[in-house]
Amino acid sequence: MRARRLGIAIGLLGSMLWAPIALAAPPPVTTITIDVRFNGPETFTATGGVVCPSGTAVTDPVFATFGGAKNRGVFTFHLVKTLTCADGSGTFKLLVDASTSPNSPGTVGGFAAGRGTGAYAGLRGGGHLVGTAFPDGSGLTDVYTGRLVIAG
């Protein structure tokens, strides 16, 4: 009986200690949509309230690899996107790792956010991306969905 009461007391104490952590809400879902024009400027919009609602994007140099026999397999690429907010609140970067294949209409992959300036100096987080090619082949729409926070 004593062991049972001790077990209940330890369980209650443990639940009180962990309750604030368990009740903390996860960061909001952020969605960043970038229209990538192969021969023009890139623009973005964002929802979720963590980063600015719109701006421009620049793709830094790309590191790409090809796969399969005679490069007919999966194509992987790694790049950095620098996003500049239209409202002047700052910039931030997305580190992107993605792939596409000859049988795919777009790209899939993951991203990490960080290296911000201004209001986004403490930005961190990440998620996944899905890219879909424009029907005319002039570019693509990349949709980045993840959980971002600004660490204080």
C-alpha atoms as a PDB file:
ATOM      1  CA  MET A   1       0.000   0.000   0.000  1.00  0.00           C
ATOM      2  CA  ARG A   2       2.811   2.385   0.874  1.00  0.00           C
ATOM      3  CA  ALA A   3       4.551   1.699  -2.457  1.00  0.00           C
ATOM      4  CA  ARG A   4       1.326   2.418  -4.294  1.00  0.00           C
ATOM      5  CA  ARG A   5       0.897   5.798  -2.550  1.00  0.00           C
ATOM      6  CA  LEU A   6       4.514   6.652  -3.242  1.00  0.00           C
ATOM      7  CA  GLY A   7       4.022   5.743  -6.921  1.00  0.00           C
ATOM      8  CA  ILE A   8       0.920   7.943  -7.131  1.00  0.00           C
ATOM      9  CA  ALA A   9       2.762  10.844  -5.472  1.00  0.00           C
ATOM     10  CA  ILE A  10       5.713  10.527  -7.849  1.00  0.00           C
ATOM     11  CA  GLY A  11       3.342  10.344 -10.823  1.00  0.00           C
ATOM     12  CA  LEU A  12       1.476  13.486  -9.732  1.00  0.00           C
ATOM     13  CA  LEU A  13       4.720  15.352  -9.089  1.00  0.00           C
ATOM     14  CA  GLY A  14       6.057  14.313 -12.494  1.00  0.00           C
ATOM     15  CA  SER A  15       2.889  15.422 -14.245  1.00  0.00           C
ATOM     16  CA  MET A  16       3.058  18.834 -12.541  1.00  0.00           C
ATOM     17  CA  LEU A  17       6.672  19.280 -13.608  1.00  0.00           C
ATOM     18  CA  TRP A  18       5.982  18.326 -17.233  1.00  0.00           C
ATOM     19  CA  ALA A  19       2.589  20.041 -17.602  1.00  0.00           C
ATOM     20  CA  PRO A  20       3.986  23.425 -18.739  1.00  0.00           C
ATOM     21  CA  ILE A  21       6.047  21.718 -21.423  1.00  0.00           C
ATOM     22  CA  ALA A  22       3.168  19.550 -22.595  1.00  0.00           C
ATOM     23  CA  LEU A  23       0.825  22.543 -22.743  1.00  0.00           C
ATOM     24  CA  ALA A  24       3.204  24.685 -24.817  1.00  0.00           C
ATOM     25  CA  ALA A  25       1.793  25.021 -28.306  1.00  0.00           C
ATOM     26  CA  PRO A  26       3.967  24.036 -31.246  1.00  0.00           C
ATOM     27  CA  PRO A  27       5.136  26.862 -33.501  1.00  0.00           C
ATOM     28  CA  PRO A  28       2.555  27.925 -36.093  1.00  0.00           C
ATOM     29  CA  VAL A  29       2.643  26.440 -39.565  1.00  0.00           C
ATOM     30  CA  THR A  30       4.263  28.826 -42.019  1.00  0.00           C
ATOM     31  CA  THR A  31       3.723  28.551 -45.759  1.00  0.00           C
ATOM     32  CA  ILE A  32       6.033  30.389 -48.141  1.00  0.00           C
ATOM     33  CA  THR A  33       5.148  30.317 -51.842  1.00  0.00           C
ATOM     34  CA  ILE A  34       7.884  31.364 -54.255  1.00  0.00           C
ATOM     35  CA  ASP A  35       7.213  31.953 -57.955  1.00  0.00           C
ATOM     36  CA  VAL A  36      10.498  31.039 -59.605  1.00  0.00           C
ATOM     37  CA  ARG A  37      10.839  32.576 -63.064  1.00  0.00           C
ATOM     38  CA  PHE A  38      13.778  31.172 -64.991  1.00  0.00           C
ATOM     39  CA  ASN A  39      14.304  34.457 -66.844  1.00  0.00           C
ATOM     40  CA  GLY A  40      12.991  36.999 -64.386  1.00  0.00           C
ATOM     41  CA  PRO A  41      12.600  38.052 -60.781  1.00  0.00           C
ATOM     42  CA  GLU A  42      11.392  35.680 -58.078  1.00  0.00           C
ATOM     43  CA  THR A  43       8.662  36.838 -55.703  1.00  0.00           C
ATOM     44  CA  PHE A  44       7.220  35.247 -52.577  1.00  0.00           C
ATOM     45  CA  THR A  45       4.186  35.385 -50.333  1.00  0.00           C
ATOM     46  CA  ALA A  46       3.981  33.964 -46.825  1.00  0.00           C
ATOM     47  CA  THR A  47       1.274  33.033 -44.340  1.00  0.00           C
ATOM     48  CA  GLY A  48       1.454  32.019 -40.696  1.00  0.00           C
ATOM     49  CA  GLY A  49       2.517  35.317 -39.139  1.00  0.00           C
ATOM     50  CA  VAL A  50       6.154  34.465 -38.396  1.00  0.00           C
ATOM     51  CA  VAL A  51       7.787  36.096 -41.430  1.00  0.00           C
ATOM     52  CA  CYS A  52       6.747  39.052 -43.555  1.00  0.00           C
ATOM     53  CA  PRO A  53       3.830  38.563 -45.966  1.00  0.00           C
ATOM     54  CA  SER A  54       5.712  39.208 -49.231  1.00  0.00           C
ATOM     55  CA  GLY A  55       8.933  40.150 -50.952  1.00  0.00           C
ATOM     56  CA  THR A  56      11.553  39.040 -53.425  1.00  0.00           C
ATOM     57  CA  ALA A  57      13.747  35.948 -53.526  1.00  0.00           C
ATOM     58  CA  VAL A  58      17.166  35.321 -55.019  1.00  0.00           C
ATOM     59  CA  THR A  59      18.630  31.880 -55.654  1.00  0.00           C
ATOM     60  CA  ASP A  60      22.276  31.691 -54.665  1.00  0.00           C
ATOM     61  CA  PRO A  61      24.574  29.316 -56.524  1.00  0.00           C
ATOM     62  CA  VAL A  62      23.213  25.817 -56.988  1.00  0.00           C
ATOM     63  CA  PHE A  63      25.052  22.572 -56.321  1.00  0.00           C
ATOM     64  CA  ALA A  64      23.461  19.826 -58.395  1.00  0.00           C
ATOM     65  CA  THR A  65      24.054  16.124 -58.927  1.00  0.00           C
ATOM     66  CA  PHE A  66      22.582  13.772 -61.454  1.00  0.00           C
ATOM     67  CA  GLY A  67      21.775  10.141 -60.919  1.00  0.00           C
ATOM     68  CA  GLY A  68      21.216   6.978 -62.843  1.00  0.00           C
ATOM     69  CA  ALA A  69      22.688   5.705 -66.085  1.00  0.00           C
ATOM     70  CA  LYS A  70      23.402   8.537 -68.527  1.00  0.00           C
ATOM     71  CA  ASN A  71      21.827  11.009 -66.069  1.00  0.00           C
ATOM     72  CA  ARG A  72      18.336   9.588 -66.598  1.00  0.00           C
ATOM     73  CA  GLY A  73      17.616   9.062 -62.911  1.00  0.00           C
ATOM     74  CA  VAL A  74      16.925  11.325 -59.987  1.00  0.00           C
ATOM     75  CA  PHE A  75      18.319  14.853 -60.144  1.00  0.00           C
ATOM     76  CA  THR A  76      19.198  16.319 -56.733  1.00  0.00           C
ATOM     77  CA  PHE A  77      20.096  19.899 -55.979  1.00  0.00           C
ATOM     78  CA  HIS A  78      21.111  22.002 -53.017  1.00  0.00           C
ATOM     79  CA  LEU A  79      20.708  25.758 -52.961  1.00  0.00           C
ATOM     80  CA  VAL A  80      20.202  28.780 -50.775  1.00  0.00           C
ATOM     81  CA  LYS A  81      17.309  31.180 -51.257  1.00  0.00           C
ATOM     82  CA  THR A  82      17.704  34.689 -49.841  1.00  0.00           C
ATOM     83  CA  LEU A  83      14.318  36.286 -49.185  1.00  0.00           C
ATOM     84  CA  THR A  84      14.040  40.061 -48.771  1.00  0.00           C
ATOM     85  CA  CYS A  85      10.861  41.411 -47.197  1.00  0.00           C
ATOM     86  CA  ALA A  86       8.965  44.070 -49.139  1.00  0.00           C
ATOM     87  CA  ASP A  87       8.147  45.896 -45.896  1.00  0.00           C
ATOM     88  CA  GLY A  88      11.846  46.426 -45.085  1.00  0.00           C
ATOM     89  CA  SER A  89      11.694  44.308 -41.910  1.00  0.00           C
ATOM     90  CA  GLY A  90      14.703  42.174 -42.872  1.00  0.00           C
ATOM     91  CA  THR A  91      15.974  39.196 -44.825  1.00  0.00           C
ATOM     92  CA  PHE A  92      16.261  35.476 -44.170  1.00  0.00           C
ATOM     93  CA  LYS A  93      17.622  32.407 -45.917  1.00  0.00           C
ATOM     94  CA  LEU A  94      16.187  29.027 -46.836  1.00  0.00           C
ATOM     95  CA  LEU A  95      18.679  26.177 -47.247  1.00  0.00           C
ATOM     96  CA  VAL A  96      17.054  23.796 -49.739  1.00  0.00           C
ATOM     97  CA  ASP A  97      17.730  20.125 -50.504  1.00  0.00           C
ATOM     98  CA  ALA A  98      15.405  18.736 -53.165  1.00  0.00           C
ATOM     99  CA  SER A  99      15.128  16.278 -56.012  1.00  0.00           C
ATOM    100  CA  THR A 100      13.191  15.613 -59.169  1.00  0.00           C
ATOM    101  CA  SER A 101      13.027  12.746 -61.610  1.00  0.00           C
ATOM    102  CA  PRO A 102      12.161  12.417 -65.305  1.00  0.00           C
ATOM    103  CA  ASN A 103       8.752  10.988 -64.347  1.00  0.00           C
ATOM    104  CA  SER A 104       7.924  13.805 -61.928  1.00  0.00           C
ATOM    105  CA  PRO A 105       6.116  17.052 -62.809  1.00  0.00           C
ATOM    106  CA  GLY A 106       7.980  18.934 -60.067  1.00  0.00           C
ATOM    107  CA  THR A 107      10.321  18.779 -57.127  1.00  0.00           C
ATOM    108  CA  VAL A 108      10.132  17.547 -53.551  1.00  0.00           C
ATOM    109  CA  GLY A 109      12.478  18.081 -50.651  1.00  0.00           C
ATOM    110  CA  GLY A 110      13.165  19.795 -47.391  1.00  0.00           C
ATOM    111  CA  PHE A 111      14.393  23.143 -46.148  1.00  0.00           C
ATOM    112  CA  ALA A 112      15.870  24.844 -43.100  1.00  0.00           C
ATOM    113  CA  ALA A 113      15.373  28.543 -42.316  1.00  0.00           C
ATOM    114  CA  GLY A 114      17.840  30.873 -40.648  1.00  0.00           C
ATOM    115  CA  ARG A 115      20.583  33.480 -41.094  1.00  0.00           C
ATOM    116  CA  GLY A 116      18.074  36.299 -40.814  1.00  0.00           C
ATOM    117  CA  THR A 117      18.655  40.010 -40.435  1.00  0.00           C
ATOM    118  CA  GLY A 118      16.520  42.706 -38.836  1.00  0.00           C
ATOM    119  CA  ALA A 119      13.310  41.277 -37.392  1.00  0.00           C
ATOM    120  CA  TYR A 120      14.410  37.771 -38.468  1.00  0.00           C
ATOM    121  CA  ALA A 121      17.819  37.645 -36.758  1.00  0.00           C
ATOM    122  CA  GLY A 122      16.724  34.697 -34.577  1.00  0.00           C
ATOM    123  CA  LEU A 123      14.711  32.846 -37.237  1.00  0.00           C
ATOM    124  CA  ARG A 124      15.024  29.064 -37.218  1.00  0.00           C
ATOM    125  CA  GLY A 125      12.993  26.033 -38.197  1.00  0.00           C
ATOM    126  CA  GLY A 126      12.242  24.094 -41.339  1.00  0.00           C
ATOM    127  CA  GLY A 127       9.921  21.771 -43.172  1.00  0.00           C
ATOM    128  CA  HIS A 128       9.222  20.357 -46.598  1.00  0.00           C
ATOM    129  CA  LEU A 129       8.729  21.764 -50.065  1.00  0.00           C
ATOM    130  CA  VAL A 130       6.829  20.795 -53.178  1.00  0.00           C
ATOM    131  CA  GLY A 131       7.565  22.468 -56.488  1.00  0.00           C
ATOM    132  CA  THR A 132       5.291  22.407 -59.509  1.00  0.00           C
ATOM    133  CA  ALA A 133       6.410  23.480 -62.984  1.00  0.00           C
ATOM    134  CA  PHE A 134       4.554  26.210 -64.859  1.00  0.00           C
ATOM    135  CA  PRO A 135       2.611  24.703 -67.793  1.00  0.00           C
ATOM    136  CA  ASP A 136       4.680  26.756 -70.286  1.00  0.00           C
ATOM    137  CA  GLY A 137       7.996  25.649 -68.752  1.00  0.00           C
ATOM    138  CA  SER A 138       9.078  29.214 -67.888  1.00  0.00           C
ATOM    139  CA  GLY A 139       9.423  28.541 -64.178  1.00  0.00           C
ATOM    140  CA  LEU A 140       7.868  26.842 -61.207  1.00  0.00           C
ATOM    141  CA  THR A 141       5.985  27.452 -58.012  1.00  0.00           C
ATOM    142  CA  ASP A 142       7.732  26.235 -54.862  1.00  0.00           C
ATOM    143  CA  VAL A 143       5.581  25.823 -51.747  1.00  0.00           C
ATOM    144  CA  TYR A 144       7.549  25.621 -48.492  1.00  0.00           C
ATOM    145  CA  THR A 145       5.531  24.397 -45.495  1.00  0.00           C
ATOM    146  CA  GLY A 146       7.010  24.116 -42.042  1.00  0.00           C
ATOM    147  CA  ARG A 147       7.287  25.379 -38.501  1.00  0.00           C
ATOM    148  CA  LEU A 148       9.355  28.513 -38.027  1.00  0.00           C
ATOM    149  CA  VAL A 149      10.107  30.503 -34.870  1.00  0.00           C
ATOM    150  CA  ILE A 150      12.074  33.603 -34.013  1.00  0.00           C
ATOM    151  CA  ALA A 151      14.236  32.784 -30.995  1.00  0.00           C
ATOM    152  CA  GLY A 152      14.667  35.673 -28.609  1.00  0.00           C
END
